[in-house]
Amino acid sequence: MERHGLAVIRTFDLRQRIGSDEAARAPVERSAPCICQYVVLLTYGGGAGPVVVTARSDDHATHFQVLPGMAGRAALRLRMRVEATLRRLVWTAADEAHASGPCSSSESSGRVGPQVDGKK
């Protein structure tokens, strides 16, 4: 996101919080190690902000969510800019994932790669 002119501060990182704790387990399957990730990002741009973005992932996909927040024109413009940047990053990641290997017709048409959820 910084390459797109946005300043980002990570305020929470689940993997850092858990650390190398081998006892950390996935919430659903207690026997499996936790392979999920969750981060909270404060995003600034053009003197406005922050817009709060969360990213959660597992071994299948990453989901971004832009949380509701500030009011006003500058905040709305920044929110729209953040959402547009996330969409570009998602498309780029999806294109790279598709280019990294051939797809067979037997593959599932489920979710591939990161996704953006710009809930308002």
N, C-alpha and C. Protein backbone atom coordinates (compact mmCIF):
# COMPACT_ATOMS: atom_id res chain seq x y z
N MET A 1 0.83 -1.19 0.00
CA MET A 1 0.00 0.00 0.00
C MET A 1 0.88 1.26 0.00
N GLU A 2 2.04 1.13 0.63
CA GLU A 2 2.95 2.28 0.65
C GLU A 2 3.43 2.66 -0.74
N ARG A 3 3.56 1.66 -1.62
CA ARG A 3 3.96 1.95 -3.01
C ARG A 3 2.89 2.74 -3.75
N HIS A 4 1.68 2.77 -3.21
CA HIS A 4 0.57 3.51 -3.81
C HIS A 4 0.32 4.82 -3.09
N GLY A 5 1.32 5.30 -2.33
CA GLY A 5 1.23 6.61 -1.70
C GLY A 5 0.48 6.66 -0.38
N LEU A 6 0.24 5.51 0.22
CA LEU A 6 -0.46 5.47 1.51
C LEU A 6 0.53 5.11 2.61
N ALA A 7 0.41 5.77 3.74
CA ALA A 7 1.23 5.44 4.91
C ALA A 7 0.45 4.44 5.74
N VAL A 8 1.12 3.36 6.16
CA VAL A 8 0.45 2.28 6.88
C VAL A 8 1.19 2.00 8.18
N ILE A 9 0.43 1.91 9.26
CA ILE A 9 0.99 1.53 10.56
C ILE A 9 0.26 0.27 11.01
N ARG A 10 1.03 -0.78 11.27
CA ARG A 10 0.44 -2.03 11.77
C ARG A 10 0.30 -1.90 13.29
N THR A 11 -0.93 -1.96 13.77
CA THR A 11 -1.17 -1.78 15.20
C THR A 11 -1.39 -3.10 15.94
N PHE A 12 -1.67 -4.16 15.21
CA PHE A 12 -1.82 -5.48 15.82
C PHE A 12 -1.43 -6.52 14.80
N ASP A 13 -0.72 -7.54 15.27
CA ASP A 13 -0.29 -8.65 14.42
C ASP A 13 -0.41 -9.93 15.25
N LEU A 14 -1.35 -10.78 14.88
CA LEU A 14 -1.61 -12.01 15.63
C LEU A 14 -0.39 -12.90 15.72
N ARG A 15 0.34 -13.06 14.61
CA ARG A 15 1.52 -13.94 14.63
C ARG A 15 2.58 -13.42 15.59
N GLN A 16 2.76 -12.10 15.65
CA GLN A 16 3.72 -11.56 16.62
C GLN A 16 3.22 -11.78 18.04
N ARG A 17 1.92 -11.64 18.23
CA ARG A 17 1.33 -11.82 19.56
C ARG A 17 1.49 -13.26 20.05
N ILE A 18 1.23 -14.22 19.14
CA ILE A 18 1.38 -15.63 19.49
C ILE A 18 2.85 -15.99 19.62
N GLY A 19 3.66 -15.41 18.74
CA GLY A 19 5.09 -15.74 18.73
C GLY A 19 5.32 -17.15 18.25
N SER A 20 6.31 -17.79 18.79
CA SER A 20 6.63 -19.15 18.39
C SER A 20 5.99 -20.17 19.32
N ASP A 21 4.91 -19.80 19.95
CA ASP A 21 4.20 -20.68 20.88
C ASP A 21 3.67 -21.90 20.14
N GLU A 22 4.30 -23.01 20.35
CA GLU A 22 3.88 -24.25 19.68
C GLU A 22 2.52 -24.73 20.18
N ALA A 23 2.07 -24.22 21.33
CA ALA A 23 0.79 -24.65 21.89
C ALA A 23 -0.39 -23.92 21.24
N ALA A 24 -0.11 -22.87 20.44
CA ALA A 24 -1.20 -22.12 19.81
C ALA A 24 -1.94 -23.04 18.83
N ARG A 25 -3.24 -23.09 18.97
CA ARG A 25 -4.04 -24.00 18.16
C ARG A 25 -5.11 -23.22 17.42
N ALA A 26 -5.52 -23.76 16.28
CA ALA A 26 -6.59 -23.16 15.49
C ALA A 26 -7.88 -23.20 16.29
N PRO A 27 -8.72 -22.15 16.19
CA PRO A 27 -9.94 -22.10 16.99
C PRO A 27 -10.93 -23.23 16.71
N VAL A 28 -11.00 -23.73 15.49
CA VAL A 28 -11.98 -24.75 15.14
C VAL A 28 -11.42 -26.15 15.42
N GLU A 29 -10.25 -26.41 14.88
CA GLU A 29 -9.62 -27.73 15.07
C GLU A 29 -8.51 -27.58 16.10
N ARG A 30 -8.83 -27.82 17.34
CA ARG A 30 -7.87 -27.62 18.43
C ARG A 30 -6.61 -28.46 18.28
N SER A 31 -6.66 -29.52 17.49
CA SER A 31 -5.49 -30.38 17.34
C SER A 31 -4.51 -29.84 16.30
N ALA A 32 -4.98 -28.94 15.45
CA ALA A 32 -4.13 -28.42 14.37
C ALA A 32 -3.43 -27.14 14.82
N PRO A 33 -2.19 -26.95 14.39
CA PRO A 33 -1.52 -25.69 14.72
C PRO A 33 -2.23 -24.51 14.05
N CYS A 34 -2.19 -23.38 14.68
CA CYS A 34 -2.84 -22.18 14.14
C CYS A 34 -2.00 -21.64 12.99
N ILE A 35 -2.56 -21.64 11.78
CA ILE A 35 -1.85 -21.12 10.62
C ILE A 35 -2.50 -19.82 10.13
N CYS A 36 -3.41 -19.30 10.94
CA CYS A 36 -4.12 -18.09 10.54
C CYS A 36 -3.29 -16.85 10.87
N GLN A 37 -3.67 -15.75 10.29
CA GLN A 37 -3.03 -14.47 10.55
C GLN A 37 -4.11 -13.41 10.61
N TYR A 38 -3.92 -12.42 11.46
CA TYR A 38 -4.86 -11.31 11.58
C TYR A 38 -4.04 -10.08 11.92
N VAL A 39 -4.20 -9.03 11.11
CA VAL A 39 -3.51 -7.77 11.38
C VAL A 39 -4.50 -6.62 11.29
N VAL A 40 -4.20 -5.56 12.03
CA VAL A 40 -4.98 -4.33 11.98
C VAL A 40 -4.03 -3.23 11.51
N LEU A 41 -4.44 -2.53 10.46
CA LEU A 41 -3.61 -1.49 9.86
C LEU A 41 -4.32 -0.14 9.94
N LEU A 42 -3.58 0.89 10.32
CA LEU A 42 -4.07 2.27 10.22
C LEU A 42 -3.47 2.85 8.96
N THR A 43 -4.31 3.36 8.08
CA THR A 43 -3.86 3.83 6.78
C THR A 43 -4.11 5.32 6.65
N TYR A 44 -3.07 6.05 6.26
CA TYR A 44 -3.14 7.51 6.12
C TYR A 44 -2.75 7.90 4.70
N GLY A 45 -3.26 9.03 4.25
CA GLY A 45 -2.88 9.54 2.94
C GLY A 45 -3.40 10.94 2.72
N GLY A 46 -2.57 11.79 2.14
CA GLY A 46 -2.98 13.15 1.83
C GLY A 46 -3.39 13.96 3.04
N GLY A 47 -2.78 13.71 4.18
CA GLY A 47 -3.10 14.45 5.39
C GLY A 47 -4.36 13.97 6.10
N ALA A 48 -5.04 12.97 5.55
CA ALA A 48 -6.26 12.46 6.16
C ALA A 48 -5.99 11.08 6.76
N GLY A 49 -6.84 10.70 7.66
CA GLY A 49 -6.76 9.35 8.20
C GLY A 49 -6.92 9.35 9.69
N PRO A 50 -6.93 8.22 10.28
CA PRO A 50 -6.67 6.95 9.62
C PRO A 50 -7.94 6.28 9.13
N VAL A 51 -7.75 5.41 8.12
CA VAL A 51 -8.76 4.45 7.72
C VAL A 51 -8.25 3.12 8.26
N VAL A 52 -9.11 2.39 8.96
CA VAL A 52 -8.71 1.13 9.57
C VAL A 52 -9.00 -0.02 8.62
N VAL A 53 -7.97 -0.82 8.37
CA VAL A 53 -8.08 -1.98 7.51
C VAL A 53 -7.68 -3.20 8.33
N THR A 54 -8.49 -4.25 8.25
CA THR A 54 -8.10 -5.52 8.87
C THR A 54 -7.82 -6.52 7.75
N ALA A 55 -6.89 -7.39 8.02
CA ALA A 55 -6.58 -8.47 7.08
C ALA A 55 -6.52 -9.76 7.89
N ARG A 56 -7.31 -10.73 7.46
CA ARG A 56 -7.25 -12.05 8.10
C ARG A 56 -7.00 -13.07 7.01
N SER A 57 -6.20 -14.06 7.35
CA SER A 57 -5.87 -15.06 6.34
C SER A 57 -5.70 -16.42 6.97
N ASP A 58 -5.81 -17.41 6.11
CA ASP A 58 -5.50 -18.78 6.47
C ASP A 58 -4.69 -19.34 5.30
N ASP A 59 -4.60 -20.64 5.22
CA ASP A 59 -3.78 -21.19 4.13
C ASP A 59 -4.49 -21.17 2.78
N HIS A 60 -5.74 -20.65 2.72
CA HIS A 60 -6.48 -20.62 1.46
C HIS A 60 -6.64 -19.22 0.88
N ALA A 61 -6.81 -18.21 1.71
CA ALA A 61 -7.12 -16.88 1.19
C ALA A 61 -6.83 -15.81 2.24
N THR A 62 -6.75 -14.58 1.76
CA THR A 62 -6.63 -13.41 2.63
C THR A 62 -7.84 -12.53 2.38
N HIS A 63 -8.45 -12.06 3.45
CA HIS A 63 -9.64 -11.21 3.36
C HIS A 63 -9.32 -9.86 3.99
N PHE A 64 -9.52 -8.80 3.22
CA PHE A 64 -9.33 -7.45 3.73
C PHE A 64 -10.70 -6.85 4.03
N GLN A 65 -10.76 -6.03 5.07
CA GLN A 65 -11.99 -5.31 5.37
C GLN A 65 -11.63 -3.89 5.77
N VAL A 66 -12.27 -2.94 5.13
CA VAL A 66 -12.12 -1.53 5.49
C VAL A 66 -13.24 -1.23 6.47
N LEU A 67 -12.88 -0.85 7.68
CA LEU A 67 -13.88 -0.63 8.72
C LEU A 67 -14.49 0.75 8.61
N PRO A 68 -15.76 0.89 8.99
CA PRO A 68 -16.38 2.21 9.00
C PRO A 68 -15.66 3.09 10.01
N GLY A 69 -15.64 4.36 9.73
CA GLY A 69 -14.90 5.24 10.65
C GLY A 69 -15.27 6.68 10.50
N MET A 70 -14.28 7.48 10.16
CA MET A 70 -14.39 8.93 10.15
C MET A 70 -15.44 9.43 9.16
N ALA A 71 -15.92 10.60 9.43
CA ALA A 71 -16.87 11.26 8.54
C ALA A 71 -16.17 12.42 7.84
N GLY A 72 -16.79 12.91 6.79
CA GLY A 72 -16.24 14.06 6.08
C GLY A 72 -15.71 13.68 4.72
N ARG A 73 -15.53 14.71 3.88
CA ARG A 73 -15.09 14.49 2.50
C ARG A 73 -13.69 13.90 2.42
N ALA A 74 -12.76 14.44 3.21
CA ALA A 74 -11.39 13.94 3.16
C ALA A 74 -11.35 12.47 3.56
N ALA A 75 -12.13 12.11 4.58
CA ALA A 75 -12.17 10.72 5.03
C ALA A 75 -12.78 9.82 3.96
N LEU A 76 -13.83 10.28 3.32
CA LEU A 76 -14.47 9.49 2.27
C LEU A 76 -13.51 9.29 1.10
N ARG A 77 -12.80 10.35 0.70
CA ARG A 77 -11.84 10.23 -0.40
C ARG A 77 -10.73 9.24 -0.03
N LEU A 78 -10.24 9.32 1.20
CA LEU A 78 -9.19 8.40 1.61
C LEU A 78 -9.71 6.97 1.65
N ARG A 79 -10.90 6.79 2.18
CA ARG A 79 -11.49 5.44 2.23
C ARG A 79 -11.61 4.86 0.82
N MET A 80 -12.10 5.66 -0.12
CA MET A 80 -12.24 5.20 -1.50
C MET A 80 -10.87 4.88 -2.10
N ARG A 81 -9.87 5.69 -1.78
CA ARG A 81 -8.51 5.45 -2.27
C ARG A 81 -7.94 4.15 -1.69
N VAL A 82 -8.17 3.92 -0.39
CA VAL A 82 -7.70 2.69 0.25
C VAL A 82 -8.38 1.47 -0.39
N GLU A 83 -9.70 1.54 -0.56
CA GLU A 83 -10.42 0.42 -1.18
C GLU A 83 -9.94 0.16 -2.60
N ALA A 84 -9.71 1.21 -3.37
CA ALA A 84 -9.23 1.05 -4.75
C ALA A 84 -7.83 0.43 -4.75
N THR A 85 -6.98 0.86 -3.83
CA THR A 85 -5.63 0.30 -3.74
C THR A 85 -5.68 -1.17 -3.37
N LEU A 86 -6.53 -1.53 -2.41
CA LEU A 86 -6.66 -2.94 -2.04
C LEU A 86 -7.16 -3.78 -3.22
N ARG A 87 -8.11 -3.26 -3.97
CA ARG A 87 -8.59 -3.99 -5.15
C ARG A 87 -7.47 -4.21 -6.16
N ARG A 88 -6.66 -3.16 -6.40
CA ARG A 88 -5.53 -3.32 -7.32
C ARG A 88 -4.56 -4.37 -6.81
N LEU A 89 -4.27 -4.35 -5.52
CA LEU A 89 -3.34 -5.32 -4.95
C LEU A 89 -3.91 -6.74 -5.03
N VAL A 90 -5.20 -6.89 -4.80
CA VAL A 90 -5.84 -8.19 -4.89
C VAL A 90 -5.78 -8.71 -6.31
N TRP A 91 -6.11 -7.86 -7.28
CA TRP A 91 -6.07 -8.28 -8.67
C TRP A 91 -4.66 -8.68 -9.06
N THR A 92 -3.67 -7.91 -8.64
CA THR A 92 -2.27 -8.21 -8.95
C THR A 92 -1.89 -9.56 -8.36
N ALA A 93 -2.25 -9.79 -7.10
CA ALA A 93 -1.92 -11.06 -6.45
C ALA A 93 -2.64 -12.22 -7.14
N ALA A 94 -3.89 -12.01 -7.51
CA ALA A 94 -4.65 -13.08 -8.18
C ALA A 94 -4.05 -13.37 -9.55
N ASP A 95 -3.65 -12.33 -10.29
CA ASP A 95 -3.01 -12.53 -11.59
C ASP A 95 -1.71 -13.32 -11.43
N GLU A 96 -0.92 -12.98 -10.41
CA GLU A 96 0.33 -13.69 -10.17
C GLU A 96 0.06 -15.13 -9.79
N ALA A 97 -0.98 -15.39 -9.00
CA ALA A 97 -1.32 -16.75 -8.61
C ALA A 97 -1.73 -17.58 -9.81
N HIS A 98 -2.51 -16.98 -10.71
CA HIS A 98 -2.94 -17.70 -11.90
C HIS A 98 -1.78 -17.93 -12.86
N ALA A 99 -0.84 -17.00 -12.92
CA ALA A 99 0.29 -17.13 -13.83
C ALA A 99 1.33 -18.11 -13.32
N SER A 100 1.29 -18.43 -12.02
CA SER A 100 2.34 -19.29 -11.45
C SER A 100 2.18 -20.75 -11.83
N GLY A 101 1.05 -21.13 -12.35
CA GLY A 101 0.90 -22.53 -12.73
C GLY A 101 -0.32 -22.74 -13.59
N PRO A 102 -0.31 -23.81 -14.36
CA PRO A 102 -1.47 -24.09 -15.22
C PRO A 102 -2.66 -24.54 -14.38
N CYS A 103 -3.84 -24.18 -14.82
CA CYS A 103 -5.07 -24.59 -14.15
C CYS A 103 -5.65 -25.78 -14.90
N SER A 104 -6.06 -26.77 -14.16
CA SER A 104 -6.70 -27.90 -14.82
C SER A 104 -8.20 -27.76 -14.69
N SER A 105 -8.92 -28.40 -15.55
CA SER A 105 -10.38 -28.28 -15.54
C SER A 105 -10.99 -28.95 -14.31
N SER A 106 -10.22 -29.78 -13.61
CA SER A 106 -10.74 -30.46 -12.43
C SER A 106 -10.60 -29.62 -11.17
N GLU A 107 -9.93 -28.47 -11.27
CA GLU A 107 -9.74 -27.63 -10.09
C GLU A 107 -11.04 -26.96 -9.69
N SER A 108 -11.17 -26.72 -8.41
CA SER A 108 -12.35 -26.06 -7.87
C SER A 108 -12.38 -24.61 -8.31
N SER A 109 -13.57 -24.08 -8.50
CA SER A 109 -13.71 -22.67 -8.87
C SER A 109 -13.96 -21.81 -7.63
N GLY A 110 -13.52 -22.28 -6.47
CA GLY A 110 -13.70 -21.55 -5.22
C GLY A 110 -12.81 -20.33 -5.15
N ARG A 111 -12.71 -19.76 -3.95
CA ARG A 111 -11.91 -18.56 -3.75
C ARG A 111 -10.46 -18.82 -4.07
N VAL A 112 -9.84 -17.85 -4.73
CA VAL A 112 -8.42 -17.92 -5.00
C VAL A 112 -7.80 -16.62 -4.58
N GLY A 113 -6.82 -16.70 -3.70
CA GLY A 113 -6.04 -15.52 -3.33
C GLY A 113 -6.80 -14.56 -2.45
N PRO A 114 -6.23 -13.35 -2.30
CA PRO A 114 -6.80 -12.36 -1.41
C PRO A 114 -8.13 -11.81 -1.89
N GLN A 115 -8.93 -11.33 -0.96
CA GLN A 115 -10.21 -10.75 -1.29
C GLN A 115 -10.39 -9.47 -0.50
N VAL A 116 -11.17 -8.56 -1.05
CA VAL A 116 -11.44 -7.28 -0.38
C VAL A 116 -12.90 -7.24 0.02
N ASP A 117 -13.15 -6.81 1.23
CA ASP A 117 -14.50 -6.63 1.74
C ASP A 117 -14.60 -5.20 2.21
N GLY A 118 -15.13 -4.32 1.37
CA GLY A 118 -15.24 -2.90 1.71
C GLY A 118 -16.58 -2.59 2.32
N LYS A 119 -16.88 -3.20 3.45
CA LYS A 119 -18.19 -2.96 4.07
C LYS A 119 -18.31 -1.53 4.52
N LYS A 120 -19.48 -1.01 4.37
CA LYS A 120 -19.70 0.39 4.72
C LYS A 120 -20.51 0.50 5.98
